[in-house]
Amino acid sequence: MVYLVFRDLEGIQTPNLLIRSQVLYSVELRSHFLGYKYTFFIYIAQNLIIMQQIIEQAWENRELLKETSVVKTIHQVIAKLDKGELRVAQPNADGTWQVNDWIKKAVILYFPTMPMKIMQEGPEQYYDKIPLKTGMEAAGIRSVPGSVLRYGAYIAKGVICMPGFVNIGAYLDTGTMVDAWATVGSCAQIGKNVHLSGGVGIGGVLEPVQAAPVIIEDDAFIGSRCIVVEGVRVGKEAVLGANVVLTQSTKIIDVTGSEPVETKGYVPERSVVIPGSYTKKFAAGDYQVPCALIIGKRKPSTDLKTSLNEALREHNVAV
């Protein structure tokens, strides 16, 4: 991260401002070696700060959406989301994730600035506010007929999208597979080489703006018909067996030790998870409530594909 000191238009210092956007990582790297580049990248940082200020002001006062300059700024943010230059959330060095709620605000503000219109894609006709992504060939994205990829979602080179849906604000990193009828909700963050199997539902989140999006980290395998919503985070190389449902209230129970260990909202790295249930007392009696069971780990010492096959065979996990 880069700590910079800026001056506003009146020359007042704002010290120790933490810049977290991916666009600015190059400040930290290049300033050590290319001094003459430093001013240029600081300008980019200042520009983003101004954009953030405009978004925050428009969020508090929607009358500002009538101003052309404000609408232009909102559209610039969405364009940067579409190109992967900005993202709603990104990983920190310590393994946590930083949510950029002002970017989520920009996505929400984008909708009232866009008119409803007919969009024709071959024989398919849509009537909506948000256009579809374009330039798939140049971007190196394989988009099978029937896949609906909304503008404002970043989809990296090498991603394969079977018929399904990717919403605005989502981020799909390189090598990821979105299998048939899987859906990726608004602002969801999908890592590198992730496999979203058929019918997977990855929830979206726009409001409340401070809420974290669903995060699926690198090399995770999400089995058929899994549902992951409400800002749940699935750690690197984890395997979710078919039909696992994860919400913030779902108990995730590690049953690999002598005593069960319960968590919520996070699946640890390399965990192998299957659907389960536990008994809960209600006024009408005892009933089974769904949960998720961690029944093992993928082996970090082996090849990922081999490790996945071993995990599925060893634990009889359906995908």
C-alpha atoms as a PDB file:
ATOM      1  CA  MET A   1       0.000   0.000   0.000  1.00  0.00           C
ATOM      2  CA  VAL A   2       1.026   3.601  -0.564  1.00  0.00           C
ATOM      3  CA  TYR A   3       0.717   6.457   1.891  1.00  0.00           C
ATOM      4  CA  LEU A   4       0.642   9.840   0.218  1.00  0.00           C
ATOM      5  CA  VAL A   5       0.077  13.446   1.304  1.00  0.00           C
ATOM      6  CA  PHE A   6      -2.172  15.544  -0.928  1.00  0.00           C
ATOM      7  CA  ARG A   7      -3.243  19.161  -0.918  1.00  0.00           C
ATOM      8  CA  ASP A   8      -6.779  20.164  -1.814  1.00  0.00           C
ATOM      9  CA  LEU A   9      -7.652  23.232  -3.845  1.00  0.00           C
ATOM     10  CA  GLU A  10      -7.041  25.475  -0.841  1.00  0.00           C
ATOM     11  CA  GLY A  11      -3.668  23.920  -0.094  1.00  0.00           C
ATOM     12  CA  ILE A  12      -4.798  22.082   3.076  1.00  0.00           C
ATOM     13  CA  GLN A  13      -2.828  18.917   3.729  1.00  0.00           C
ATOM     14  CA  THR A  14      -4.539  15.553   4.080  1.00  0.00           C
ATOM     15  CA  PRO A  15      -1.845  13.309   5.623  1.00  0.00           C
ATOM     16  CA  ASN A  16      -1.574   9.538   5.658  1.00  0.00           C
ATOM     17  CA  LEU A  17      -4.278   8.898   3.099  1.00  0.00           C
ATOM     18  CA  LEU A  18      -4.358   5.184   2.354  1.00  0.00           C
ATOM     19  CA  ILE A  19      -4.747   4.425  -1.333  1.00  0.00           C
ATOM     20  CA  ARG A  20      -6.058   0.923  -1.970  1.00  0.00           C
ATOM     21  CA  SER A  21      -7.088   0.891  -5.617  1.00  0.00           C
ATOM     22  CA  GLN A  22      -5.291  -1.587  -7.893  1.00  0.00           C
ATOM     23  CA  VAL A  23      -4.625   1.266 -10.286  1.00  0.00           C
ATOM     24  CA  LEU A  24      -2.256   2.736  -7.727  1.00  0.00           C
ATOM     25  CA  TYR A  25      -0.127  -0.299  -6.959  1.00  0.00           C
ATOM     26  CA  SER A  26       2.278   0.949  -9.626  1.00  0.00           C
ATOM     27  CA  VAL A  27       2.977   4.051  -7.512  1.00  0.00           C
ATOM     28  CA  GLU A  28       4.598   1.913  -4.860  1.00  0.00           C
ATOM     29  CA  LEU A  29       6.643  -0.056  -7.376  1.00  0.00           C
ATOM     30  CA  ARG A  30       7.693   2.547  -9.892  1.00  0.00           C
ATOM     31  CA  SER A  31       8.456   5.334  -7.474  1.00  0.00           C
ATOM     32  CA  HIS A  32      11.469   3.354  -6.218  1.00  0.00           C
ATOM     33  CA  PHE A  33      12.991   2.985  -9.657  1.00  0.00           C
ATOM     34  CA  LEU A  34      11.524   5.608 -11.981  1.00  0.00           C
ATOM     35  CA  GLY A  35      11.449   8.905 -10.169  1.00  0.00           C
ATOM     36  CA  TYR A  36      10.235  10.808 -13.183  1.00  0.00           C
ATOM     37  CA  LYS A  37       7.036   8.696 -13.222  1.00  0.00           C
ATOM     38  CA  TYR A  38       6.136   9.620  -9.660  1.00  0.00           C
ATOM     39  CA  THR A  39       4.221  12.824 -10.390  1.00  0.00           C
ATOM     40  CA  PHE A  40       2.152  11.121 -13.071  1.00  0.00           C
ATOM     41  CA  PHE A  41       0.956   8.347 -10.775  1.00  0.00           C
ATOM     42  CA  ILE A  42       0.213  10.784  -7.962  1.00  0.00           C
ATOM     43  CA  TYR A  43      -2.007  12.605 -10.444  1.00  0.00           C
ATOM     44  CA  ILE A  44      -3.936   9.352 -11.027  1.00  0.00           C
ATOM     45  CA  ALA A  45      -4.336   8.973  -7.271  1.00  0.00           C
ATOM     46  CA  GLN A  46      -5.659  12.499  -6.937  1.00  0.00           C
ATOM     47  CA  ASN A  47      -8.032  11.892  -9.825  1.00  0.00           C
ATOM     48  CA  LEU A  48      -9.501   8.823  -8.109  1.00  0.00           C
ATOM     49  CA  ILE A  49      -9.902  10.743  -4.866  1.00  0.00           C
ATOM     50  CA  ILE A  50     -11.834  13.432  -6.712  1.00  0.00           C
ATOM     51  CA  MET A  51     -14.003  10.754  -8.331  1.00  0.00           C
ATOM     52  CA  GLN A  52     -14.702   9.227  -4.931  1.00  0.00           C
ATOM     53  CA  GLN A  53     -15.665  12.612  -3.507  1.00  0.00           C
ATOM     54  CA  ILE A  54     -18.110  13.224  -6.364  1.00  0.00           C
ATOM     55  CA  ILE A  55     -19.694   9.789  -5.873  1.00  0.00           C
ATOM     56  CA  GLU A  56     -20.048  10.336  -2.128  1.00  0.00           C
ATOM     57  CA  GLN A  57     -21.673  13.739  -2.660  1.00  0.00           C
ATOM     58  CA  ALA A  58     -24.102  12.354  -5.258  1.00  0.00           C
ATOM     59  CA  TRP A  59     -24.959   9.508  -2.893  1.00  0.00           C
ATOM     60  CA  GLU A  60     -26.024  12.010  -0.235  1.00  0.00           C
ATOM     61  CA  ASN A  61     -27.751  14.364  -2.686  1.00  0.00           C
ATOM     62  CA  ARG A  62     -29.442  12.668  -5.650  1.00  0.00           C
ATOM     63  CA  GLU A  63     -30.241  16.057  -7.172  1.00  0.00           C
ATOM     64  CA  LEU A  64     -26.608  16.063  -8.312  1.00  0.00           C
ATOM     65  CA  LEU A  65     -27.502  13.312 -10.789  1.00  0.00           C
ATOM     66  CA  LYS A  66     -28.951  16.077 -12.941  1.00  0.00           C
ATOM     67  CA  GLU A  67     -25.453  17.463 -13.488  1.00  0.00           C
ATOM     68  CA  THR A  68     -23.615  16.225 -16.569  1.00  0.00           C
ATOM     69  CA  SER A  69     -20.224  16.171 -14.837  1.00  0.00           C
ATOM     70  CA  VAL A  70     -21.539  13.952 -12.052  1.00  0.00           C
ATOM     71  CA  VAL A  71     -23.113  11.491 -14.490  1.00  0.00           C
ATOM     72  CA  LYS A  72     -19.860  11.424 -16.460  1.00  0.00           C
ATOM     73  CA  THR A  73     -17.912  10.560 -13.303  1.00  0.00           C
ATOM     74  CA  ILE A  74     -20.305   7.710 -12.463  1.00  0.00           C
ATOM     75  CA  HIS A  75     -19.921   6.319 -15.969  1.00  0.00           C
ATOM     76  CA  GLN A  76     -16.127   6.575 -15.709  1.00  0.00           C
ATOM     77  CA  VAL A  77     -16.190   4.452 -12.560  1.00  0.00           C
ATOM     78  CA  ILE A  78     -18.302   1.784 -14.272  1.00  0.00           C
ATOM     79  CA  ALA A  79     -15.952   1.824 -17.263  1.00  0.00           C
ATOM     80  CA  LYS A  80     -13.013   1.202 -14.924  1.00  0.00           C
ATOM     81  CA  LEU A  81     -14.932  -1.655 -13.281  1.00  0.00           C
ATOM     82  CA  ASP A  82     -15.573  -3.156 -16.709  1.00  0.00           C
ATOM     83  CA  LYS A  83     -11.850  -3.051 -17.522  1.00  0.00           C
ATOM     84  CA  GLY A  84     -10.734  -4.364 -14.120  1.00  0.00           C
ATOM     85  CA  GLU A  85      -8.983  -1.093 -13.258  1.00  0.00           C
ATOM     86  CA  LEU A  86     -11.196  -0.745 -10.201  1.00  0.00           C
ATOM     87  CA  ARG A  87     -12.944  -3.439  -8.205  1.00  0.00           C
ATOM     88  CA  VAL A  88     -15.487  -3.482  -5.420  1.00  0.00           C
ATOM     89  CA  ALA A  89     -13.177  -5.468  -3.159  1.00  0.00           C
ATOM     90  CA  GLN A  90      -9.581  -6.641  -3.289  1.00  0.00           C
ATOM     91  CA  PRO A  91      -7.342  -8.786  -1.085  1.00  0.00           C
ATOM     92  CA  ASN A  92      -4.942  -7.222   1.391  1.00  0.00           C
ATOM     93  CA  ALA A  93      -1.468  -8.565   2.092  1.00  0.00           C
ATOM     94  CA  ASP A  94      -2.638 -10.092   5.399  1.00  0.00           C
ATOM     95  CA  GLY A  95      -5.308 -12.231   3.715  1.00  0.00           C
ATOM     96  CA  THR A  96      -8.245 -10.003   4.627  1.00  0.00           C
ATOM     97  CA  TRP A  97     -10.317  -8.178   2.032  1.00  0.00           C
ATOM     98  CA  GLN A  98     -10.914  -4.464   1.588  1.00  0.00           C
ATOM     99  CA  VAL A  99     -14.406  -3.405   0.475  1.00  0.00           C
ATOM    100  CA  ASN A 100     -14.570  -0.163  -1.502  1.00  0.00           C
ATOM    101  CA  ASP A 101     -18.102   0.897  -0.661  1.00  0.00           C
ATOM    102  CA  TRP A 102     -17.892   4.087  -2.720  1.00  0.00           C
ATOM    103  CA  ILE A 103     -17.589   1.959  -5.851  1.00  0.00           C
ATOM    104  CA  LYS A 104     -20.739   0.054  -4.868  1.00  0.00           C
ATOM    105  CA  LYS A 105     -22.435   3.428  -4.492  1.00  0.00           C
ATOM    106  CA  ALA A 106     -21.339   4.294  -8.034  1.00  0.00           C
ATOM    107  CA  VAL A 107     -22.926   1.071  -9.323  1.00  0.00           C
ATOM    108  CA  ILE A 108     -26.215   1.899  -7.596  1.00  0.00           C
ATOM    109  CA  LEU A 109     -26.114   5.471  -8.908  1.00  0.00           C
ATOM    110  CA  TYR A 110     -25.447   4.171 -12.428  1.00  0.00           C
ATOM    111  CA  PHE A 111     -28.948   2.713 -12.746  1.00  0.00           C
ATOM    112  CA  PRO A 112     -30.935   5.978 -12.549  1.00  0.00           C
ATOM    113  CA  THR A 113     -28.563   7.588 -15.064  1.00  0.00           C
ATOM    114  CA  MET A 114     -29.308   4.943 -17.705  1.00  0.00           C
ATOM    115  CA  PRO A 115     -32.519   4.951 -19.779  1.00  0.00           C
ATOM    116  CA  MET A 116     -34.460   1.794 -20.565  1.00  0.00           C
ATOM    117  CA  LYS A 117     -33.865   0.759 -24.154  1.00  0.00           C
ATOM    118  CA  ILE A 118     -34.188  -2.181 -26.523  1.00  0.00           C
ATOM    119  CA  MET A 119     -30.961  -4.101 -27.095  1.00  0.00           C
ATOM    120  CA  GLN A 120     -30.761  -6.559 -29.970  1.00  0.00           C
ATOM    121  CA  GLU A 121     -28.203  -9.391 -29.917  1.00  0.00           C
ATOM    122  CA  GLY A 122     -28.802 -11.610 -32.934  1.00  0.00           C
ATOM    123  CA  PRO A 123     -32.272 -13.123 -32.555  1.00  0.00           C
ATOM    124  CA  GLU A 124     -32.373 -12.188 -28.864  1.00  0.00           C
ATOM    125  CA  GLN A 125     -33.972  -8.953 -27.758  1.00  0.00           C
ATOM    126  CA  TYR A 126     -33.595  -7.329 -24.334  1.00  0.00           C
ATOM    127  CA  TYR A 127     -35.222  -4.293 -22.768  1.00  0.00           C
ATOM    128  CA  ASP A 128     -33.008  -3.030 -19.963  1.00  0.00           C
ATOM    129  CA  LYS A 129     -30.830  -0.237 -18.596  1.00  0.00           C
ATOM    130  CA  ILE A 130     -27.446  -1.995 -18.533  1.00  0.00           C
ATOM    131  CA  PRO A 131     -25.808  -2.974 -21.844  1.00  0.00           C
ATOM    132  CA  LEU A 132     -24.036  -6.265 -22.402  1.00  0.00           C
ATOM    133  CA  LYS A 133     -20.266  -6.611 -22.496  1.00  0.00           C
ATOM    134  CA  THR A 134     -18.552  -6.376 -25.844  1.00  0.00           C
ATOM    135  CA  GLY A 135     -15.100  -7.143 -27.242  1.00  0.00           C
ATOM    136  CA  MET A 136     -14.970 -10.778 -26.089  1.00  0.00           C
ATOM    137  CA  GLU A 137     -12.535 -11.903 -28.787  1.00  0.00           C
ATOM    138  CA  ALA A 138     -10.041  -9.134 -28.088  1.00  0.00           C
ATOM    139  CA  ALA A 139     -10.310  -9.746 -24.334  1.00  0.00           C
ATOM    140  CA  GLY A 140      -9.701 -13.491 -24.717  1.00  0.00           C
ATOM    141  CA  ILE A 141     -13.044 -14.453 -23.156  1.00  0.00           C
ATOM    142  CA  ARG A 142     -14.973 -17.491 -24.376  1.00  0.00           C
ATOM    143  CA  SER A 143     -18.660 -16.625 -24.162  1.00  0.00           C
ATOM    144  CA  VAL A 144     -20.967 -19.445 -25.268  1.00  0.00           C
ATOM    145  CA  PRO A 145     -24.355 -18.481 -26.765  1.00  0.00           C
ATOM    146  CA  GLY A 146     -26.808 -18.034 -23.926  1.00  0.00           C
ATOM    147  CA  SER A 147     -24.315 -16.471 -21.544  1.00  0.00           C
ATOM    148  CA  VAL A 148     -25.410 -13.025 -20.409  1.00  0.00           C
ATOM    149  CA  LEU A 149     -22.474 -10.880 -19.329  1.00  0.00           C
ATOM    150  CA  ARG A 150     -23.398  -7.410 -18.176  1.00  0.00           C
ATOM    151  CA  TYR A 151     -21.298  -4.322 -18.833  1.00  0.00           C
ATOM    152  CA  GLY A 152     -19.494  -3.243 -15.677  1.00  0.00           C
ATOM    153  CA  ALA A 153     -18.426  -6.784 -14.793  1.00  0.00           C
ATOM    154  CA  TYR A 154     -14.733  -7.525 -15.245  1.00  0.00           C
ATOM    155  CA  ILE A 155     -14.013 -10.852 -16.929  1.00  0.00           C
ATOM    156  CA  ALA A 156     -10.340 -11.685 -17.376  1.00  0.00           C
ATOM    157  CA  LYS A 157      -8.556 -13.397 -20.231  1.00  0.00           C
ATOM    158  CA  GLY A 158      -9.075 -17.150 -20.327  1.00  0.00           C
ATOM    159  CA  VAL A 159     -12.442 -17.160 -18.554  1.00  0.00           C
ATOM    160  CA  ILE A 160     -15.046 -19.518 -20.051  1.00  0.00           C
ATOM    161  CA  CYS A 161     -18.719 -18.611 -19.642  1.00  0.00           C
ATOM    162  CA  MET A 162     -21.289 -21.251 -20.517  1.00  0.00           C
ATOM    163  CA  PRO A 163     -24.966 -20.214 -20.647  1.00  0.00           C
ATOM    164  CA  GLY A 164     -25.555 -18.297 -17.428  1.00  0.00           C
ATOM    165  CA  PHE A 165     -25.382 -14.790 -16.011  1.00  0.00           C
ATOM    166  CA  VAL A 166     -22.700 -12.429 -14.687  1.00  0.00           C
ATOM    167  CA  ASN A 167     -23.953  -9.187 -13.142  1.00  0.00           C
ATOM    168  CA  ILE A 168     -22.489  -5.681 -13.031  1.00  0.00           C
ATOM    169  CA  GLY A 169     -19.658  -5.104 -10.563  1.00  0.00           C
ATOM    170  CA  ALA A 170     -18.560  -8.747 -10.510  1.00  0.00           C
ATOM    171  CA  TYR A 171     -14.870  -9.635 -10.931  1.00  0.00           C
ATOM    172  CA  LEU A 172     -13.844 -12.938 -12.559  1.00  0.00           C
ATOM    173  CA  ASP A 173     -10.116 -13.616 -12.652  1.00  0.00           C
ATOM    174  CA  THR A 174      -8.089 -15.587 -15.193  1.00  0.00           C
ATOM    175  CA  GLY A 175      -8.768 -19.236 -15.967  1.00  0.00           C
ATOM    176  CA  THR A 176     -12.143 -19.385 -14.249  1.00  0.00           C
ATOM    177  CA  MET A 177     -14.974 -21.561 -15.557  1.00  0.00           C
ATOM    178  CA  VAL A 178     -18.617 -20.497 -15.222  1.00  0.00           C
ATOM    179  CA  ASP A 179     -20.485 -23.677 -16.089  1.00  0.00           C
ATOM    180  CA  ALA A 180     -24.003 -24.002 -17.494  1.00  0.00           C
ATOM    181  CA  TRP A 181     -26.699 -21.975 -15.727  1.00  0.00           C
ATOM    182  CA  ALA A 182     -24.375 -20.720 -13.018  1.00  0.00           C
ATOM    183  CA  THR A 183     -25.030 -17.141 -11.941  1.00  0.00           C
ATOM    184  CA  VAL A 184     -22.561 -14.621 -10.535  1.00  0.00           C
ATOM    185  CA  GLY A 185     -24.278 -11.801  -8.656  1.00  0.00           C
ATOM    186  CA  SER A 186     -23.423  -8.126  -8.571  1.00  0.00           C
ATOM    187  CA  CYS A 187     -20.017  -7.292  -7.086  1.00  0.00           C
ATOM    188  CA  ALA A 188     -19.086 -10.941  -6.382  1.00  0.00           C
ATOM    189  CA  GLN A 189     -15.329 -11.554  -6.457  1.00  0.00           C
ATOM    190  CA  ILE A 190     -14.203 -14.767  -8.160  1.00  0.00           C
ATOM    191  CA  GLY A 191     -10.508 -15.682  -8.092  1.00  0.00           C
ATOM    192  CA  LYS A 192      -8.164 -17.383 -10.530  1.00  0.00           C
ATOM    193  CA  ASN A 193      -8.854 -20.899 -11.847  1.00  0.00           C
ATOM    194  CA  VAL A 194     -12.134 -21.215  -9.979  1.00  0.00           C
ATOM    195  CA  HIS A 195     -14.690 -23.756 -11.227  1.00  0.00           C
ATOM    196  CA  LEU A 196     -18.339 -22.813 -10.754  1.00  0.00           C
ATOM    197  CA  SER A 197     -20.227 -25.986 -11.631  1.00  0.00           C
ATOM    198  CA  GLY A 198     -23.619 -26.212 -13.276  1.00  0.00           C
ATOM    199  CA  GLY A 199     -26.421 -24.310 -11.567  1.00  0.00           C
ATOM    200  CA  VAL A 200     -24.236 -22.648  -8.930  1.00  0.00           C
ATOM    201  CA  GLY A 201     -25.703 -19.486  -7.439  1.00  0.00           C
ATOM    202  CA  ILE A 202     -23.209 -16.862  -6.290  1.00  0.00           C
ATOM    203  CA  GLY A 203     -25.129 -14.107  -4.549  1.00  0.00           C
ATOM    204  CA  GLY A 204     -24.795 -10.434  -5.293  1.00  0.00           C
ATOM    205  CA  VAL A 205     -24.806  -7.455  -2.972  1.00  0.00           C
ATOM    206  CA  LEU A 206     -25.239  -3.746  -3.554  1.00  0.00           C
ATOM    207  CA  GLU A 207     -27.004  -2.625  -0.397  1.00  0.00           C
ATOM    208  CA  PRO A 208     -26.199  -2.119   2.364  1.00  0.00           C
ATOM    209  CA  VAL A 209     -23.132  -0.594   0.730  1.00  0.00           C
ATOM    210  CA  GLN A 210     -20.840  -1.518   3.601  1.00  0.00           C
ATOM    211  CA  ALA A 211     -21.681  -5.220   3.240  1.00  0.00           C
ATOM    212  CA  ALA A 212     -18.952  -7.462   1.858  1.00  0.00           C
ATOM    213  CA  PRO A 213     -19.598  -9.276  -1.437  1.00  0.00           C
ATOM    214  CA  VAL A 214     -19.355 -13.017  -1.875  1.00  0.00           C
ATOM    215  CA  ILE A 215     -15.700 -13.949  -2.369  1.00  0.00           C
ATOM    216  CA  ILE A 216     -14.500 -17.190  -3.952  1.00  0.00           C
ATOM    217  CA  GLU A 217     -10.712 -17.305  -3.745  1.00  0.00           C
ATOM    218  CA  ASP A 218      -8.211 -18.829  -6.198  1.00  0.00           C
ATOM    219  CA  ASP A 219      -8.471 -22.481  -7.286  1.00  0.00           C
ATOM    220  CA  ALA A 220     -11.706 -23.201  -5.407  1.00  0.00           C
ATOM    221  CA  PHE A 221     -14.138 -25.787  -6.783  1.00  0.00           C
ATOM    222  CA  ILE A 222     -17.838 -25.085  -6.263  1.00  0.00           C
ATOM    223  CA  GLY A 223     -19.981 -28.160  -6.896  1.00  0.00           C
ATOM    224  CA  SER A 224     -23.287 -28.373  -8.749  1.00  0.00           C
ATOM    225  CA  ARG A 225     -26.247 -26.417  -7.396  1.00  0.00           C
ATOM    226  CA  CYS A 226     -24.270 -24.867  -4.543  1.00  0.00           C
ATOM    227  CA  ILE A 227     -25.526 -21.523  -3.236  1.00  0.00           C
ATOM    228  CA  VAL A 228     -23.114 -19.012  -1.689  1.00  0.00           C
ATOM    229  CA  VAL A 229     -24.658 -15.710  -0.590  1.00  0.00           C
ATOM    230  CA  GLU A 230     -24.548 -12.863   1.961  1.00  0.00           C
ATOM    231  CA  GLY A 231     -20.840 -12.117   1.747  1.00  0.00           C
ATOM    232  CA  VAL A 232     -19.596 -15.605   2.586  1.00  0.00           C
ATOM    233  CA  ARG A 233     -15.923 -16.129   1.713  1.00  0.00           C
ATOM    234  CA  VAL A 234     -14.621 -19.440   0.383  1.00  0.00           C
ATOM    235  CA  GLY A 235     -10.878 -19.826   0.885  1.00  0.00           C
ATOM    236  CA  LYS A 236      -8.265 -20.834  -1.674  1.00  0.00           C
ATOM    237  CA  GLU A 237      -8.449 -24.370  -3.074  1.00  0.00           C
ATOM    238  CA  ALA A 238     -11.568 -25.241  -1.081  1.00  0.00           C
ATOM    239  CA  VAL A 239     -14.022 -27.801  -2.465  1.00  0.00           C
ATOM    240  CA  LEU A 240     -17.780 -27.473  -1.960  1.00  0.00           C
ATOM    241  CA  GLY A 241     -19.682 -30.660  -2.738  1.00  0.00           C
ATOM    242  CA  ALA A 242     -22.974 -30.538  -4.617  1.00  0.00           C
ATOM    243  CA  ASN A 243     -25.878 -28.687  -2.976  1.00  0.00           C
ATOM    244  CA  VAL A 244     -23.907 -26.981  -0.213  1.00  0.00           C
ATOM    245  CA  VAL A 245     -25.745 -23.811   0.865  1.00  0.00           C
ATOM    246  CA  LEU A 246     -23.774 -21.103   2.643  1.00  0.00           C
ATOM    247  CA  THR A 247     -25.233 -17.934   4.164  1.00  0.00           C
ATOM    248  CA  GLN A 248     -23.911 -15.780   6.998  1.00  0.00           C
ATOM    249  CA  SER A 249     -26.122 -17.731   9.410  1.00  0.00           C
ATOM    250  CA  THR A 250     -25.169 -21.198   8.134  1.00  0.00           C
ATOM    251  CA  LYS A 251     -23.124 -23.201  10.614  1.00  0.00           C
ATOM    252  CA  ILE A 252     -19.888 -24.458   9.068  1.00  0.00           C
ATOM    253  CA  ILE A 253     -18.821 -27.357  11.264  1.00  0.00           C
ATOM    254  CA  ASP A 254     -15.364 -28.911  11.089  1.00  0.00           C
ATOM    255  CA  VAL A 255     -15.850 -32.578  12.006  1.00  0.00           C
ATOM    256  CA  THR A 256     -12.330 -33.757  11.254  1.00  0.00           C
ATOM    257  CA  GLY A 257     -11.182 -33.624  14.886  1.00  0.00           C
ATOM    258  CA  SER A 258     -12.365 -35.271  18.085  1.00  0.00           C
ATOM    259  CA  GLU A 259     -14.717 -32.348  18.751  1.00  0.00           C
ATOM    260  CA  PRO A 260     -16.745 -30.306  16.247  1.00  0.00           C
ATOM    261  CA  VAL A 261     -15.568 -26.746  15.602  1.00  0.00           C
ATOM    262  CA  GLU A 262     -18.204 -24.254  14.441  1.00  0.00           C
ATOM    263  CA  THR A 263     -17.676 -21.134  12.352  1.00  0.00           C
ATOM    264  CA  LYS A 264     -19.847 -18.978  10.111  1.00  0.00           C
ATOM    265  CA  GLY A 265     -19.205 -16.926   7.001  1.00  0.00           C
ATOM    266  CA  TYR A 266     -15.837 -18.395   6.002  1.00  0.00           C
ATOM    267  CA  VAL A 267     -14.682 -21.716   4.565  1.00  0.00           C
ATOM    268  CA  PRO A 268     -10.976 -22.196   5.379  1.00  0.00           C
ATOM    269  CA  GLU A 269      -8.457 -22.833   2.614  1.00  0.00           C
ATOM    270  CA  ARG A 270      -8.340 -26.346   1.091  1.00  0.00           C
ATOM    271  CA  SER A 271     -11.403 -27.483   3.055  1.00  0.00           C
ATOM    272  CA  VAL A 272     -13.610 -30.227   1.594  1.00  0.00           C
ATOM    273  CA  VAL A 273     -17.230 -29.394   2.441  1.00  0.00           C
ATOM    274  CA  ILE A 274     -20.481 -31.359   2.089  1.00  0.00           C
ATOM    275  CA  PRO A 275     -24.094 -30.617   3.068  1.00  0.00           C
ATOM    276  CA  GLY A 276     -25.101 -31.694   6.554  1.00  0.00           C
ATOM    277  CA  SER A 277     -27.699 -31.059   9.228  1.00  0.00           C
ATOM    278  CA  TYR A 278     -28.031 -30.717  12.990  1.00  0.00           C
ATOM    279  CA  THR A 279     -30.950 -31.021  15.387  1.00  0.00           C
ATOM    280  CA  LYS A 280     -32.590 -27.829  16.617  1.00  0.00           C
ATOM    281  CA  LYS A 281     -35.402 -27.527  19.113  1.00  0.00           C
ATOM    282  CA  PHE A 282     -38.526 -25.588  18.143  1.00  0.00           C
ATOM    283  CA  ALA A 283     -41.829 -25.094  19.928  1.00  0.00           C
ATOM    284  CA  ALA A 284     -43.342 -27.820  17.777  1.00  0.00           C
ATOM    285  CA  GLY A 285     -40.514 -30.261  18.371  1.00  0.00           C
ATOM    286  CA  ASP A 286     -37.013 -31.178  17.218  1.00  0.00           C
ATOM    287  CA  TYR A 287     -36.157 -30.686  13.544  1.00  0.00           C
ATOM    288  CA  GLN A 288     -33.138 -30.967  11.284  1.00  0.00           C
ATOM    289  CA  VAL A 289     -31.574 -27.677  10.175  1.00  0.00           C
ATOM    290  CA  PRO A 290     -29.128 -27.510   7.238  1.00  0.00           C
ATOM    291  CA  CYS A 291     -25.433 -26.860   7.870  1.00  0.00           C
ATOM    292  CA  ALA A 292     -22.132 -27.421   6.070  1.00  0.00           C
ATOM    293  CA  LEU A 293     -19.638 -30.035   7.210  1.00  0.00           C
ATOM    294  CA  ILE A 294     -15.884 -29.782   6.730  1.00  0.00           C
ATOM    295  CA  ILE A 295     -14.862 -33.405   6.346  1.00  0.00           C
ATOM    296  CA  GLY A 296     -11.252 -33.088   5.176  1.00  0.00           C
ATOM    297  CA  LYS A 297      -8.566 -31.061   3.447  1.00  0.00           C
ATOM    298  CA  ARG A 298      -7.080 -30.973  -0.011  1.00  0.00           C
ATOM    299  CA  LYS A 299      -3.395 -31.800   0.161  1.00  0.00           C
ATOM    300  CA  PRO A 300      -1.300 -28.696  -0.582  1.00  0.00           C
ATOM    301  CA  SER A 301       1.716 -30.806  -1.541  1.00  0.00           C
ATOM    302  CA  THR A 302       0.078 -32.362  -4.594  1.00  0.00           C
ATOM    303  CA  ASP A 303      -1.012 -31.045  -7.952  1.00  0.00           C
ATOM    304  CA  LEU A 304      -4.325 -29.219  -7.612  1.00  0.00           C
ATOM    305  CA  LYS A 305      -6.183 -31.373 -10.113  1.00  0.00           C
ATOM    306  CA  THR A 306      -4.840 -34.577  -8.562  1.00  0.00           C
ATOM    307  CA  SER A 307      -5.635 -33.236  -5.109  1.00  0.00           C
ATOM    308  CA  LEU A 308      -9.210 -32.475  -6.153  1.00  0.00           C
ATOM    309  CA  ASN A 309      -9.775 -35.957  -7.561  1.00  0.00           C
ATOM    310  CA  GLU A 310      -8.307 -37.506  -4.420  1.00  0.00           C
ATOM    311  CA  ALA A 311     -10.528 -35.388  -2.202  1.00  0.00           C
ATOM    312  CA  LEU A 312     -13.648 -36.395  -4.099  1.00  0.00           C
ATOM    313  CA  ARG A 313     -12.766 -40.094  -4.082  1.00  0.00           C
ATOM    314  CA  GLU A 314     -11.620 -40.202  -0.490  1.00  0.00           C
ATOM    315  CA  HIS A 315     -14.662 -38.441   0.939  1.00  0.00           C
ATOM    316  CA  ASN A 316     -17.274 -39.589  -1.607  1.00  0.00           C
ATOM    317  CA  VAL A 317     -18.159 -35.989  -2.407  1.00  0.00           C
ATOM    318  CA  ALA A 318     -20.646 -35.463  -5.241  1.00  0.00           C
ATOM    319  CA  VAL A 319     -20.049 -32.557  -7.608  1.00  0.00           C
END
